[in-house]
Amino acid sequence: MKRLLTTLAMAFVLGLPQAHAGMIGTQDPERERVKGMLERPELATQLEKMGVSPADARARVDAMTPEEVSQLAGRLDQLAAGGALSNQDLLLIILLVLLLIIIL
């Protein structure tokens, strides 16, 4: 009887599926968006002017924590696109024009 129980226990243990650890790919859209920005030719050119190769920049993004990537992605969203003027820039230009009109 004891031998039968041991055999059943061994069969049960060996019959269970095995779990294997491996690399699990993470779906991080913010990290992919930041890496996509690094692939833009004009940004790659500017990075190279500052002495940072695009491969090094991608490696640095890969080494960032999710919080750091989220913060960087938030900063990218806040940047003005295409050299658009902010409200402060427009106000400064208007003040300078008014000052020039008053002086002349």
Protein backbone atom coordinates (compact mmCIF):
# COMPACT_ATOMS: atom_id res chain seq x y z
CA MET A 1 0.00 0.00 0.00
CA LYS A 2 2.82 2.36 0.91
CA ARG A 3 4.55 1.60 -2.38
CA LEU A 4 1.32 2.33 -4.28
CA LEU A 5 0.94 5.73 -2.58
CA THR A 6 4.56 6.60 -3.30
CA THR A 7 4.12 5.64 -6.95
CA LEU A 8 0.92 7.70 -7.24
CA ALA A 9 2.61 10.69 -5.58
CA MET A 10 5.58 10.47 -7.94
CA ALA A 11 3.29 10.16 -10.96
CA PHE A 12 1.33 13.20 -9.78
CA VAL A 13 4.47 15.30 -9.23
CA LEU A 14 6.03 14.30 -12.53
CA GLY A 15 2.77 14.85 -14.38
CA LEU A 16 2.44 18.49 -13.34
CA PRO A 17 3.45 21.05 -15.95
CA GLN A 18 6.84 22.60 -15.41
CA ALA A 19 7.26 26.34 -15.06
CA HIS A 20 10.27 27.85 -16.81
CA ALA A 21 11.64 31.29 -16.14
CA GLY A 22 12.49 33.38 -19.13
CA MET A 23 12.56 36.91 -20.44
CA ILE A 24 9.12 38.43 -20.47
CA GLY A 25 8.67 41.23 -22.94
CA THR A 26 7.06 44.27 -21.41
CA GLN A 27 4.63 46.35 -23.34
CA ASP A 28 5.66 49.90 -22.45
CA PRO A 29 4.15 52.33 -24.94
CA GLU A 30 5.86 55.35 -23.37
CA ARG A 31 9.30 53.74 -23.67
CA GLU A 32 8.57 52.83 -27.30
CA ARG A 33 7.41 56.39 -28.01
CA VAL A 34 10.60 57.87 -26.53
CA LYS A 35 12.70 55.41 -28.53
CA GLY A 36 10.70 56.35 -31.62
CA MET A 37 11.60 59.99 -31.05
CA LEU A 38 15.28 59.01 -30.93
CA GLU A 39 14.97 57.54 -34.42
CA ARG A 40 13.97 60.88 -35.94
CA PRO A 41 16.81 62.11 -38.18
CA GLU A 42 16.86 65.68 -36.85
CA LEU A 43 17.06 64.48 -33.25
CA ALA A 44 19.78 61.95 -34.11
CA THR A 45 21.77 64.76 -35.73
CA GLN A 46 21.44 66.97 -32.64
CA LEU A 47 22.45 64.11 -30.35
CA GLU A 48 25.56 63.45 -32.43
CA LYS A 49 26.45 67.17 -32.26
CA MET A 50 26.33 66.85 -28.47
CA GLY A 51 28.54 63.76 -28.58
CA VAL A 52 25.86 61.14 -27.92
CA SER A 53 25.41 58.36 -30.44
CA PRO A 54 21.84 57.22 -31.15
CA ALA A 55 22.74 53.71 -29.96
CA ASP A 56 23.95 55.10 -26.62
CA ALA A 57 20.76 57.15 -26.28
CA ARG A 58 18.60 54.05 -26.90
CA ALA A 59 20.66 52.11 -24.34
CA ARG A 60 20.12 54.90 -21.81
CA VAL A 61 16.36 54.83 -22.41
CA ASP A 62 16.39 51.05 -21.93
CA ALA A 63 18.21 51.52 -18.61
CA MET A 64 15.65 54.03 -17.30
CA THR A 65 13.06 53.06 -14.72
CA PRO A 66 9.40 53.18 -15.79
CA GLU A 67 8.94 56.33 -13.69
CA GLU A 68 11.82 58.09 -15.45
CA VAL A 69 10.48 57.10 -18.86
CA SER A 70 7.02 58.36 -17.91
CA GLN A 71 8.49 61.68 -16.75
CA LEU A 72 10.49 62.06 -19.97
CA ALA A 73 7.47 61.19 -22.11
CA GLY A 74 5.47 63.83 -20.21
CA ARG A 75 8.14 66.42 -20.97
CA LEU A 76 8.03 65.50 -24.66
CA ASP A 77 4.28 66.10 -24.64
CA GLN A 78 4.76 69.56 -23.15
CA LEU A 79 7.31 70.74 -25.70
CA ALA A 80 6.10 73.14 -28.34
CA ALA A 81 6.06 71.48 -31.74
CA GLY A 82 7.60 73.12 -34.79
CA GLY A 83 8.90 76.21 -33.02
CA ALA A 84 5.43 77.45 -32.03
CA LEU A 85 5.42 80.49 -29.78
CA SER A 86 4.09 80.21 -26.27
CA ASN A 87 1.82 82.81 -24.68
CA GLN A 88 4.79 84.27 -22.82
CA ASP A 89 6.71 84.66 -26.07
CA LEU A 90 3.79 86.44 -27.72
CA LEU A 91 3.35 88.76 -24.74
CA LEU A 92 7.05 89.65 -24.78
CA ILE A 93 6.91 90.44 -28.52
CA ILE A 94 3.86 92.65 -28.06
CA LEU A 95 5.53 94.52 -25.19
CA LEU A 96 8.68 95.06 -27.25
CA VAL A 97 6.64 96.35 -30.21
CA LEU A 98 4.72 98.75 -27.96
CA LEU A 99 7.95 99.93 -26.38
CA LEU A 100 9.45 100.60 -29.83
CA ILE A 101 6.31 102.52 -30.88
CA ILE A 102 6.48 104.69 -27.77
CA ILE A 103 10.20 105.43 -28.21
CA LEU A 104 9.90 106.32 -31.88
